[in-house]
């Protein structure tokens, strides 16, 4: 992933939301291995994150190229959890979950 793209605030939306979404799904026991269902269209995802569809597509392509995660066939696939956490500057501390999920 090219570093200068990380400065785009719109693209940060999914980088920050992806790890949080996966972590919450894991805590709710909705994750199997490194995958969880995400039955949402790119348009819905963009509306939720306040991003244009083209920005959602580019961000997902960046994350796929980086080898950290992929979204295909309504399934979120985390390939490198620690790197995804780093890219999204994610820490589960703010979630205040009763049961902590182990990293993938």
PDB file of N, CA and C in Angstrom:
ATOM      1  N   UNK A   1       0.843  -1.162   0.000  1.00  0.00           N
ATOM      2  CA  UNK A   1       0.000   0.000   0.000  1.00  0.00           C
ATOM      3  C   UNK A   1       0.890   1.227   0.000  1.00  0.00           C
ATOM      4  N   UNK A   2       0.564   2.192  -0.795  1.00  0.00           N
ATOM      5  CA  UNK A   2       1.337   3.418  -0.849  1.00  0.00           C
ATOM      6  C   UNK A   2       0.998   4.284   0.353  1.00  0.00           C
ATOM      7  N   UNK A   3       2.002   4.806   0.990  1.00  0.00           N
ATOM      8  CA  UNK A   3       1.831   5.586   2.213  1.00  0.00           C
ATOM      9  C   UNK A   3       1.027   6.861   2.005  1.00  0.00           C
ATOM     10  N   UNK A   4       1.180   7.547   0.874  1.00  0.00           N
ATOM     11  CA  UNK A   4       0.486   8.810   0.691  1.00  0.00           C
ATOM     12  C   UNK A   4      -1.021   8.638   0.638  1.00  0.00           C
ATOM     13  N   UNK A   5      -1.499   7.449   0.352  1.00  0.00           N
ATOM     14  CA  UNK A   5      -2.935   7.224   0.336  1.00  0.00           C
ATOM     15  C   UNK A   5      -3.511   7.184   1.748  1.00  0.00           C
ATOM     16  N   UNK A   6      -2.687   6.885   2.731  1.00  0.00           N
ATOM     17  CA  UNK A   6      -3.163   6.838   4.098  1.00  0.00           C
ATOM     18  C   UNK A   6      -3.590   8.190   4.616  1.00  0.00           C
ATOM     19  N   UNK A   7      -3.165   9.262   3.955  1.00  0.00           N
ATOM     20  CA  UNK A   7      -3.503  10.602   4.407  1.00  0.00           C
ATOM     21  C   UNK A   7      -4.913  11.006   4.002  1.00  0.00           C
ATOM     22  N   UNK A   8      -5.564  10.265   3.129  1.00  0.00           N
ATOM     23  CA  UNK A   8      -6.907  10.587   2.675  1.00  0.00           C
ATOM     24  C   UNK A   8      -7.910  10.237   3.769  1.00  0.00           C
ATOM     25  N   UNK A   9      -8.568  11.248   4.373  1.00  0.00           N
ATOM     26  CA  UNK A   9      -9.474  10.965   5.487  1.00  0.00           C
ATOM     27  C   UNK A   9     -10.652  10.068   5.116  1.00  0.00           C
ATOM     28  N   UNK A  10     -11.143  10.170   3.871  1.00  0.00           N
ATOM     29  CA  UNK A  10     -12.241   9.298   3.460  1.00  0.00           C
ATOM     30  C   UNK A  10     -11.821   7.835   3.493  1.00  0.00           C
ATOM     31  N   UNK A  11     -10.614   7.572   3.028  1.00  0.00           N
ATOM     32  CA  UNK A  11     -10.148   6.191   2.957  1.00  0.00           C
ATOM     33  C   UNK A  11      -9.827   5.629   4.329  1.00  0.00           C
ATOM     34  N   UNK A  12      -9.578   6.482   5.288  1.00  0.00           N
ATOM     35  CA  UNK A  12      -9.313   6.018   6.642  1.00  0.00           C
ATOM     36  C   UNK A  12     -10.556   5.378   7.258  1.00  0.00           C
ATOM     37  N   UNK A  13     -11.747   5.743   6.772  1.00  0.00           N
ATOM     38  CA  UNK A  13     -12.984   5.211   7.324  1.00  0.00           C
ATOM     39  C   UNK A  13     -13.024   3.698   7.368  1.00  0.00           C
ATOM     40  N   UNK A  14     -12.736   3.058   6.244  1.00  0.00           N
ATOM     41  CA  UNK A  14     -12.789   1.593   6.219  1.00  0.00           C
ATOM     42  C   UNK A  14     -11.574   0.986   6.887  1.00  0.00           C
ATOM     43  N   UNK A  15     -10.423   1.623   6.770  1.00  0.00           N
ATOM     44  CA  UNK A  15      -9.230   1.094   7.442  1.00  0.00           C
ATOM     45  C   UNK A  15      -9.444   1.049   8.946  1.00  0.00           C
ATOM     46  N   UNK A  16     -10.171   2.013   9.460  1.00  0.00           N
ATOM     47  CA  UNK A  16     -10.442   2.035  10.899  1.00  0.00           C
ATOM     48  C   UNK A  16     -11.630   1.145  11.260  1.00  0.00           C
ATOM     49  N   UNK A  17     -12.620   1.088  10.390  1.00  0.00           N
ATOM     50  CA  UNK A  17     -13.828   0.318  10.688  1.00  0.00           C
ATOM     51  C   UNK A  17     -13.656  -1.177  10.480  1.00  0.00           C
ATOM     52  N   UNK A  18     -12.838  -1.569   9.519  1.00  0.00           N
ATOM     53  CA  UNK A  18     -12.639  -2.995   9.222  1.00  0.00           C
ATOM     54  C   UNK A  18     -12.177  -3.795  10.425  1.00  0.00           C
ATOM     55  N   UNK A  19     -11.097  -3.375  11.094  1.00  0.00           N
ATOM     56  CA  UNK A  19     -10.648  -4.126  12.272  1.00  0.00           C
ATOM     57  C   UNK A  19     -11.682  -4.135  13.394  1.00  0.00           C
ATOM     58  N   UNK A  20     -12.356  -3.018  13.600  1.00  0.00           N
ATOM     59  CA  UNK A  20     -13.367  -2.940  14.658  1.00  0.00           C
ATOM     60  C   UNK A  20     -14.524  -3.886  14.364  1.00  0.00           C
ATOM     61  N   UNK A  21     -14.979  -3.880  13.133  1.00  0.00           N
ATOM     62  CA  UNK A  21     -16.080  -4.756  12.735  1.00  0.00           C
ATOM     63  C   UNK A  21     -15.709  -6.221  12.924  1.00  0.00           C
ATOM     64  N   UNK A  22     -14.517  -6.587  12.481  1.00  0.00           N
ATOM     65  CA  UNK A  22     -14.078  -7.975  12.607  1.00  0.00           C
ATOM     66  C   UNK A  22     -13.930  -8.362  14.082  1.00  0.00           C
ATOM     67  N   UNK A  23     -13.367  -7.491  14.880  1.00  0.00           N
ATOM     68  CA  UNK A  23     -13.164  -7.775  16.303  1.00  0.00           C
ATOM     69  C   UNK A  23     -14.504  -7.979  17.014  1.00  0.00           C
ATOM     70  N   UNK A  24     -15.477  -7.116  16.700  1.00  0.00           N
ATOM     71  CA  UNK A  24     -16.815  -7.242  17.305  1.00  0.00           C
ATOM     72  C   UNK A  24     -17.499  -8.540  16.863  1.00  0.00           C
ATOM     73  N   UNK A  25     -17.358  -8.876  15.591  1.00  0.00           N
ATOM     74  CA  UNK A  25     -17.943 -10.127  15.092  1.00  0.00           C
ATOM     75  C   UNK A  25     -17.308 -11.321  15.788  1.00  0.00           C
ATOM     76  N   UNK A  26     -15.999 -11.237  16.018  1.00  0.00           N
ATOM     77  CA  UNK A  26     -15.297 -12.330  16.715  1.00  0.00           C
ATOM     78  C   UNK A  26     -15.801 -12.457  18.148  1.00  0.00           C
ATOM     79  N   UNK A  27     -15.985 -11.333  18.826  1.00  0.00           N
ATOM     80  CA  UNK A  27     -16.490 -11.354  20.199  1.00  0.00           C
ATOM     81  C   UNK A  27     -17.905 -11.933  20.255  1.00  0.00           C
ATOM     82  N   UNK A  28     -18.674 -11.727  19.194  1.00  0.00           N
ATOM     83  CA  UNK A  28     -20.049 -12.251  19.130  1.00  0.00           C
ATOM     84  C   UNK A  28     -20.086 -13.669  18.570  1.00  0.00           C
ATOM     85  N   UNK A  29     -18.923 -14.261  18.374  1.00  0.00           N
ATOM     86  CA  UNK A  29     -18.779 -15.624  17.859  1.00  0.00           C
ATOM     87  C   UNK A  29     -19.390 -15.784  16.466  1.00  0.00           C
ATOM     88  N   UNK A  30     -19.210 -14.755  15.633  1.00  0.00           N
ATOM     89  CA  UNK A  30     -19.706 -14.788  14.261  1.00  0.00           C
ATOM     90  C   UNK A  30     -18.580 -15.026  13.251  1.00  0.00           C
ATOM     91  N   UNK A  31     -17.372 -15.249  13.760  1.00  0.00           N
ATOM     92  CA  UNK A  31     -16.208 -15.456  12.903  1.00  0.00           C
ATOM     93  C   UNK A  31     -15.843 -16.927  12.893  1.00  0.00           C
ATOM     94  N   UNK A  32     -15.569 -17.431  11.693  1.00  0.00           N
ATOM     95  CA  UNK A  32     -15.053 -18.791  11.556  1.00  0.00           C
ATOM     96  C   UNK A  32     -13.655 -18.689  10.971  1.00  0.00           C
ATOM     97  N   UNK A  33     -12.668 -19.032  11.781  1.00  0.00           N
ATOM     98  CA  UNK A  33     -11.281 -18.886  11.333  1.00  0.00           C
ATOM     99  C   UNK A  33     -10.950 -17.422  11.153  1.00  0.00           C
ATOM    100  N   UNK A  34     -10.703 -17.034   9.918  1.00  0.00           N
ATOM    101  CA  UNK A  34     -10.376 -15.649   9.619  1.00  0.00           C
ATOM    102  C   UNK A  34     -11.452 -14.984   8.755  1.00  0.00           C
ATOM    103  N   UNK A  35     -12.677 -15.529   8.795  1.00  0.00           N
ATOM    104  CA  UNK A  35     -13.765 -15.055   7.932  1.00  0.00           C
ATOM    105  C   UNK A  35     -15.035 -14.759   8.719  1.00  0.00           C
ATOM    106  N   UNK A  36     -15.754 -13.744   8.241  1.00  0.00           N
ATOM    107  CA  UNK A  36     -17.087 -13.486   8.784  1.00  0.00           C
ATOM    108  C   UNK A  36     -17.971 -12.956   7.660  1.00  0.00           C
ATOM    109  N   UNK A  37     -19.234 -13.276   7.743  1.00  0.00           N
ATOM    110  CA  UNK A  37     -20.196 -12.821   6.744  1.00  0.00           C
ATOM    111  C   UNK A  37     -20.391 -11.316   6.882  1.00  0.00           C
ATOM    112  N   UNK A  38     -20.461 -10.647   5.755  1.00  0.00           N
ATOM    113  CA  UNK A  38     -20.726  -9.215   5.727  1.00  0.00           C
ATOM    114  C   UNK A  38     -21.673  -8.951   4.557  1.00  0.00           C
ATOM    115  N   UNK A  39     -22.958  -9.296   4.768  1.00  0.00           N
ATOM    116  CA  UNK A  39     -23.933  -9.178   3.676  1.00  0.00           C
ATOM    117  C   UNK A  39     -24.382  -7.726   3.483  1.00  0.00           C
ATOM    118  N   UNK A  40     -23.486  -6.934   2.894  1.00  0.00           N
ATOM    119  CA  UNK A  40     -23.769  -5.521   2.677  1.00  0.00           C
ATOM    120  C   UNK A  40     -23.194  -5.140   1.313  1.00  0.00           C
ATOM    121  N   UNK A  41     -23.905  -4.302   0.597  1.00  0.00           N
ATOM    122  CA  UNK A  41     -23.414  -3.861  -0.707  1.00  0.00           C
ATOM    123  C   UNK A  41     -22.366  -2.763  -0.524  1.00  0.00           C
ATOM    124  N   UNK A  42     -21.592  -2.513  -1.565  1.00  0.00           N
ATOM    125  CA  UNK A  42     -20.607  -1.445  -1.499  1.00  0.00           C
ATOM    126  C   UNK A  42     -21.284  -0.094  -1.297  1.00  0.00           C
ATOM    127  N   UNK A  43     -22.469   0.079  -1.895  1.00  0.00           N
ATOM    128  CA  UNK A  43     -23.216   1.326  -1.711  1.00  0.00           C
ATOM    129  C   UNK A  43     -23.620   1.496  -0.246  1.00  0.00           C
ATOM    130  N   UNK A  44     -24.120   0.427   0.376  1.00  0.00           N
ATOM    131  CA  UNK A  44     -24.491   0.490   1.791  1.00  0.00           C
ATOM    132  C   UNK A  44     -23.284   0.733   2.672  1.00  0.00           C
ATOM    133  N   UNK A  45     -22.186   0.090   2.354  1.00  0.00           N
ATOM    134  CA  UNK A  45     -20.954   0.270   3.112  1.00  0.00           C
ATOM    135  C   UNK A  45     -20.488   1.724   3.003  1.00  0.00           C
ATOM    136  N   UNK A  46     -20.532   2.267   1.794  1.00  0.00           N
ATOM    137  CA  UNK A  46     -20.158   3.657   1.583  1.00  0.00           C
ATOM    138  C   UNK A  46     -21.046   4.615   2.354  1.00  0.00           C
ATOM    139  N   UNK A  47     -22.350   4.369   2.333  1.00  0.00           N
ATOM    140  CA  UNK A  47     -23.282   5.227   3.082  1.00  0.00           C
ATOM    141  C   UNK A  47     -23.001   5.155   4.575  1.00  0.00           C
ATOM    142  N   UNK A  48     -22.745   3.965   5.073  1.00  0.00           N
ATOM    143  CA  UNK A  48     -22.471   3.774   6.499  1.00  0.00           C
ATOM    144  C   UNK A  48     -21.211   4.514   6.930  1.00  0.00           C
ATOM    145  N   UNK A  49     -20.190   4.476   6.089  1.00  0.00           N
ATOM    146  CA  UNK A  49     -18.900   5.085   6.423  1.00  0.00           C
ATOM    147  C   UNK A  49     -18.764   6.522   5.927  1.00  0.00           C
ATOM    148  N   UNK A  50     -19.776   7.005   5.199  1.00  0.00           N
ATOM    149  CA  UNK A  50     -19.695   8.350   4.653  1.00  0.00           C
ATOM    150  C   UNK A  50     -18.686   8.463   3.529  1.00  0.00           C
ATOM    151  N   UNK A  51     -18.599   7.406   2.715  1.00  0.00           N
ATOM    152  CA  UNK A  51     -17.623   7.345   1.624  1.00  0.00           C
ATOM    153  C   UNK A  51     -18.344   7.109   0.300  1.00  0.00           C
ATOM    154  N   UNK A  52     -17.790   7.656  -0.769  1.00  0.00           N
ATOM    155  CA  UNK A  52     -18.302   7.373  -2.102  1.00  0.00           C
ATOM    156  C   UNK A  52     -17.956   5.934  -2.469  1.00  0.00           C
ATOM    157  N   UNK A  53     -18.757   5.330  -3.335  1.00  0.00           N
ATOM    158  CA  UNK A  53     -18.519   3.942  -3.733  1.00  0.00           C
ATOM    159  C   UNK A  53     -17.133   3.774  -4.329  1.00  0.00           C
ATOM    160  N   UNK A  54     -16.706   4.729  -5.128  1.00  0.00           N
ATOM    161  CA  UNK A  54     -15.376   4.623  -5.745  1.00  0.00           C
ATOM    162  C   UNK A  54     -14.289   4.628  -4.666  1.00  0.00           C
ATOM    163  N   UNK A  55     -14.486   5.385  -3.594  1.00  0.00           N
ATOM    164  CA  UNK A  55     -13.514   5.407  -2.498  1.00  0.00           C
ATOM    165  C   UNK A  55     -13.516   4.084  -1.752  1.00  0.00           C
ATOM    166  N   UNK A  56     -14.699   3.502  -1.558  1.00  0.00           N
ATOM    167  CA  UNK A  56     -14.799   2.187  -0.924  1.00  0.00           C
ATOM    168  C   UNK A  56     -14.041   1.170  -1.769  1.00  0.00           C
ATOM    169  N   UNK A  57     -14.285   1.188  -3.077  1.00  0.00           N
ATOM    170  CA  UNK A  57     -13.595   0.252  -3.985  1.00  0.00           C
ATOM    171  C   UNK A  57     -12.087   0.417  -3.916  1.00  0.00           C
ATOM    172  N   UNK A  58     -11.615   1.655  -3.955  1.00  0.00           N
ATOM    173  CA  UNK A  58     -10.167   1.894  -3.931  1.00  0.00           C
ATOM    174  C   UNK A  58      -9.559   1.454  -2.604  1.00  0.00           C
ATOM    175  N   UNK A  59     -10.241   1.744  -1.523  1.00  0.00           N
ATOM    176  CA  UNK A  59      -9.721   1.367  -0.210  1.00  0.00           C
ATOM    177  C   UNK A  59      -9.665  -0.146  -0.063  1.00  0.00           C
ATOM    178  N   UNK A  60     -10.712  -0.833  -0.475  1.00  0.00           N
ATOM    179  CA  UNK A  60     -10.719  -2.290  -0.418  1.00  0.00           C
ATOM    180  C   UNK A  60      -9.625  -2.872  -1.315  1.00  0.00           C
ATOM    181  N   UNK A  61      -9.417  -2.266  -2.479  1.00  0.00           N
ATOM    182  CA  UNK A  61      -8.349  -2.726  -3.370  1.00  0.00           C
ATOM    183  C   UNK A  61      -6.983  -2.515  -2.716  1.00  0.00           C
ATOM    184  N   UNK A  62      -6.795  -1.378  -2.046  1.00  0.00           N
ATOM    185  CA  UNK A  62      -5.545  -1.119  -1.320  1.00  0.00           C
ATOM    186  C   UNK A  62      -5.297  -2.188  -0.260  1.00  0.00           C
ATOM    187  N   UNK A  63      -6.332  -2.496   0.512  1.00  0.00           N
ATOM    188  CA  UNK A  63      -6.193  -3.484   1.586  1.00  0.00           C
ATOM    189  C   UNK A  63      -5.944  -4.882   1.025  1.00  0.00           C
ATOM    190  N   UNK A  64      -6.581  -5.188  -0.085  1.00  0.00           N
ATOM    191  CA  UNK A  64      -6.346  -6.486  -0.723  1.00  0.00           C
ATOM    192  C   UNK A  64      -4.904  -6.574  -1.221  1.00  0.00           C
ATOM    193  N   UNK A  65      -4.432  -5.497  -1.891  1.00  0.00           N
ATOM    194  CA  UNK A  65      -3.052  -5.467  -2.380  1.00  0.00           C
ATOM    195  C   UNK A  65      -2.043  -5.571  -1.240  1.00  0.00           C
ATOM    196  N   UNK A  66      -2.380  -4.987  -0.093  1.00  0.00           N
ATOM    197  CA  UNK A  66      -1.464  -5.028   1.051  1.00  0.00           C
ATOM    198  C   UNK A  66      -1.419  -6.419   1.680  1.00  0.00           C
ATOM    199  N   UNK A  67      -2.377  -7.274   1.304  1.00  0.00           N
ATOM    200  CA  UNK A  67      -2.408  -8.632   1.838  1.00  0.00           C
ATOM    201  C   UNK A  67      -2.966  -8.720   3.245  1.00  0.00           C
ATOM    202  N   UNK A  68      -3.670  -7.671   3.693  1.00  0.00           N
ATOM    203  CA  UNK A  68      -4.199  -7.683   5.053  1.00  0.00           C
ATOM    204  C   UNK A  68      -5.621  -8.225   5.130  1.00  0.00           C
ATOM    205  N   UNK A  69      -6.455  -7.893   4.130  1.00  0.00           N
ATOM    206  CA  UNK A  69      -7.834  -8.370   4.152  1.00  0.00           C
ATOM    207  C   UNK A  69      -8.422  -8.332   2.762  1.00  0.00           C
ATOM    208  N   UNK A  70      -9.548  -8.994   2.637  1.00  0.00           N
ATOM    209  CA  UNK A  70     -10.274  -9.008   1.379  1.00  0.00           C
ATOM    210  C   UNK A  70     -11.763  -9.046   1.705  1.00  0.00           C
ATOM    211  N   UNK A  71     -12.557  -8.511   0.822  1.00  0.00           N
ATOM    212  CA  UNK A  71     -14.005  -8.571   0.946  1.00  0.00           C
ATOM    213  C   UNK A  71     -14.530  -9.101  -0.376  1.00  0.00           C
ATOM    214  N   UNK A  72     -15.072 -10.320  -0.344  1.00  0.00           N
ATOM    215  CA  UNK A  72     -15.609 -10.906  -1.567  1.00  0.00           C
ATOM    216  C   UNK A  72     -16.758 -11.843  -1.222  1.00  0.00           C
ATOM    217  N   UNK A  73     -17.720 -11.866  -2.119  1.00  0.00           N
ATOM    218  CA  UNK A  73     -18.892 -12.730  -1.942  1.00  0.00           C
ATOM    219  C   UNK A  73     -19.516 -12.546  -0.555  1.00  0.00           C
ATOM    220  N   UNK A  74     -19.674 -11.294  -0.143  1.00  0.00           N
ATOM    221  CA  UNK A  74     -20.291 -10.954   1.151  1.00  0.00           C
ATOM    222  C   UNK A  74     -19.565 -11.576   2.339  1.00  0.00           C
ATOM    223  N   UNK A  75     -18.260 -11.697   2.219  1.00  0.00           N
ATOM    224  CA  UNK A  75     -17.462 -12.277   3.285  1.00  0.00           C
ATOM    225  C   UNK A  75     -16.209 -11.428   3.507  1.00  0.00           C
ATOM    226  N   UNK A  76     -15.987 -11.045   4.759  1.00  0.00           N
ATOM    227  CA  UNK A  76     -14.789 -10.321   5.152  1.00  0.00           C
ATOM    228  C   UNK A  76     -13.738 -11.346   5.546  1.00  0.00           C
ATOM    229  N   UNK A  77     -12.591 -11.287   4.891  1.00  0.00           N
ATOM    230  CA  UNK A  77     -11.517 -12.251   5.128  1.00  0.00           C
ATOM    231  C   UNK A  77     -10.290 -11.489   5.617  1.00  0.00           C
ATOM    232  N   UNK A  78      -9.889 -11.769   6.844  1.00  0.00           N
ATOM    233  CA  UNK A  78      -8.711 -11.124   7.404  1.00  0.00           C
ATOM    234  C   UNK A  78      -7.520 -12.047   7.199  1.00  0.00           C
ATOM    235  N   UNK A  79      -6.526 -11.538   6.496  1.00  0.00           N
ATOM    236  CA  UNK A  79      -5.359 -12.344   6.158  1.00  0.00           C
ATOM    237  C   UNK A  79      -4.182 -12.076   7.093  1.00  0.00           C
ATOM    238  N   UNK A  80      -4.030 -10.839   7.519  1.00  0.00           N
ATOM    239  CA  UNK A  80      -2.940 -10.478   8.429  1.00  0.00           C
ATOM    240  C   UNK A  80      -3.491  -9.507   9.474  1.00  0.00           C
ATOM    241  N   UNK A  81      -3.983 -10.068  10.567  1.00  0.00           N
ATOM    242  CA  UNK A  81      -4.673  -9.306  11.594  1.00  0.00           C
ATOM    243  C   UNK A  81      -3.808  -8.198  12.192  1.00  0.00           C
ATOM    244  N   UNK A  82      -2.616  -8.509  12.582  1.00  0.00           N
ATOM    245  CA  UNK A  82      -1.771  -7.491  13.234  1.00  0.00           C
ATOM    246  C   UNK A  82      -1.466  -6.328  12.297  1.00  0.00           C
ATOM    247  N   UNK A  83      -1.237  -6.612  11.040  1.00  0.00           N
ATOM    248  CA  UNK A  83      -0.975  -5.541  10.075  1.00  0.00           C
ATOM    249  C   UNK A  83      -2.240  -4.718   9.837  1.00  0.00           C
ATOM    250  N   UNK A  84      -3.397  -5.376   9.801  1.00  0.00           N
ATOM    251  CA  UNK A  84      -4.663  -4.660   9.647  1.00  0.00           C
ATOM    252  C   UNK A  84      -4.899  -3.738  10.841  1.00  0.00           C
ATOM    253  N   UNK A  85      -4.605  -4.226  12.041  1.00  0.00           N
ATOM    254  CA  UNK A  85      -4.706  -3.386  13.237  1.00  0.00           C
ATOM    255  C   UNK A  85      -3.797  -2.172  13.121  1.00  0.00           C
ATOM    256  N   UNK A  86      -2.582  -2.402  12.664  1.00  0.00           N
ATOM    257  CA  UNK A  86      -1.625  -1.304  12.537  1.00  0.00           C
ATOM    258  C   UNK A  86      -2.089  -0.277  11.508  1.00  0.00           C
ATOM    259  N   UNK A  87      -2.534  -0.738  10.350  1.00  0.00           N
ATOM    260  CA  UNK A  87      -2.994   0.166   9.300  1.00  0.00           C
ATOM    261  C   UNK A  87      -4.188   1.000   9.757  1.00  0.00           C
ATOM    262  N   UNK A  88      -5.073   0.390  10.524  1.00  0.00           N
ATOM    263  CA  UNK A  88      -6.265   1.090  10.993  1.00  0.00           C
ATOM    264  C   UNK A  88      -6.081   1.787  12.323  1.00  0.00           C
ATOM    265  N   UNK A  89      -4.859   1.717  12.873  1.00  0.00           N
ATOM    266  CA  UNK A  89      -4.581   2.311  14.184  1.00  0.00           C
ATOM    267  C   UNK A  89      -5.640   1.833  15.183  1.00  0.00           C
ATOM    268  N   UNK A  90      -5.888   0.511  15.163  1.00  0.00           N
ATOM    269  CA  UNK A  90      -6.971  -0.075  15.959  1.00  0.00           C
ATOM    270  C   UNK A  90      -6.470  -0.633  17.278  1.00  0.00           C
ATOM    271  N   UNK A  91      -7.213  -0.325  18.320  1.00  0.00           N
ATOM    272  CA  UNK A  91      -6.999  -0.936  19.630  1.00  0.00           C
ATOM    273  C   UNK A  91      -8.374  -1.303  20.181  1.00  0.00           C
ATOM    274  N   UNK A  92      -8.553  -2.537  20.644  1.00  0.00           N
ATOM    275  CA  UNK A  92      -9.869  -2.958  21.136  1.00  0.00           C
ATOM    276  C   UNK A  92     -10.231  -2.384  22.501  1.00  0.00           C
ATOM    277  N   UNK A  93      -9.343  -1.670  23.128  1.00  0.00           N
ATOM    278  CA  UNK A  93      -9.585  -1.172  24.485  1.00  0.00           C
ATOM    279  C   UNK A  93     -10.856  -0.336  24.575  1.00  0.00           C
ATOM    280  N   UNK A  94     -11.102   0.520  23.585  1.00  0.00           N
ATOM    281  CA  UNK A  94     -12.257   1.412  23.655  1.00  0.00           C
ATOM    282  C   UNK A  94     -13.593   0.678  23.531  1.00  0.00           C
ATOM    283  N   UNK A  95     -13.578  -0.560  23.072  1.00  0.00           N
ATOM    284  CA  UNK A  95     -14.826  -1.306  22.877  1.00  0.00           C
ATOM    285  C   UNK A  95     -15.449  -1.770  24.197  1.00  0.00           C
ATOM    286  N   UNK A  96     -14.646  -1.917  25.220  1.00  0.00           N
ATOM    287  CA  UNK A  96     -15.123  -2.324  26.547  1.00  0.00           C
ATOM    288  C   UNK A  96     -15.930  -3.621  26.499  1.00  0.00           C
ATOM    289  N   UNK A  97     -15.428  -4.595  25.742  1.00  0.00           N
ATOM    290  CA  UNK A  97     -16.105  -5.886  25.677  1.00  0.00           C
ATOM    291  C   UNK A  97     -15.782  -6.704  26.911  1.00  0.00           C
ATOM    292  N   UNK A  98     -16.766  -7.465  27.366  1.00  0.00           N
ATOM    293  CA  UNK A  98     -16.550  -8.284  28.556  1.00  0.00           C
ATOM    294  C   UNK A  98     -15.566  -9.408  28.286  1.00  0.00           C
ATOM    295  N   UNK A  99     -15.672 -10.018  27.113  1.00  0.00           N
ATOM    296  CA  UNK A  99     -14.775 -11.101  26.757  1.00  0.00           C
ATOM    297  C   UNK A  99     -13.871 -10.643  25.630  1.00  0.00           C
ATOM    298  N   UNK A 100     -12.583 -10.723  25.848  1.00  0.00           N
ATOM    299  CA  UNK A 100     -11.628 -10.323  24.836  1.00  0.00           C
ATOM    300  C   UNK A 100     -11.454 -11.435  23.805  1.00  0.00           C
ATOM    301  N   UNK A 101     -11.394 -11.074  22.559  1.00  0.00           N
ATOM    302  CA  UNK A 101     -11.169 -12.041  21.492  1.00  0.00           C
ATOM    303  C   UNK A 101      -9.688 -12.174  21.220  1.00  0.00           C
ATOM    304  N   UNK A 102      -9.198 -13.396  21.070  1.00  0.00           N
ATOM    305  CA  UNK A 102      -7.797 -13.560  20.702  1.00  0.00           C
ATOM    306  C   UNK A 102      -7.575 -13.098  19.278  1.00  0.00           C
ATOM    307  N   UNK A 103      -6.386 -12.600  18.971  1.00  0.00           N
ATOM    308  CA  UNK A 103      -6.119 -12.178  17.591  1.00  0.00           C
ATOM    309  C   UNK A 103      -6.099 -13.367  16.654  1.00  0.00           C
ATOM    310  N   UNK A 104      -6.352 -13.070  15.398  1.00  0.00           N
ATOM    311  CA  UNK A 104      -6.351 -14.100  14.354  1.00  0.00           C
ATOM    312  C   UNK A 104      -4.929 -14.445  14.027  1.00  0.00           C
TER     313      UNK A 104
END
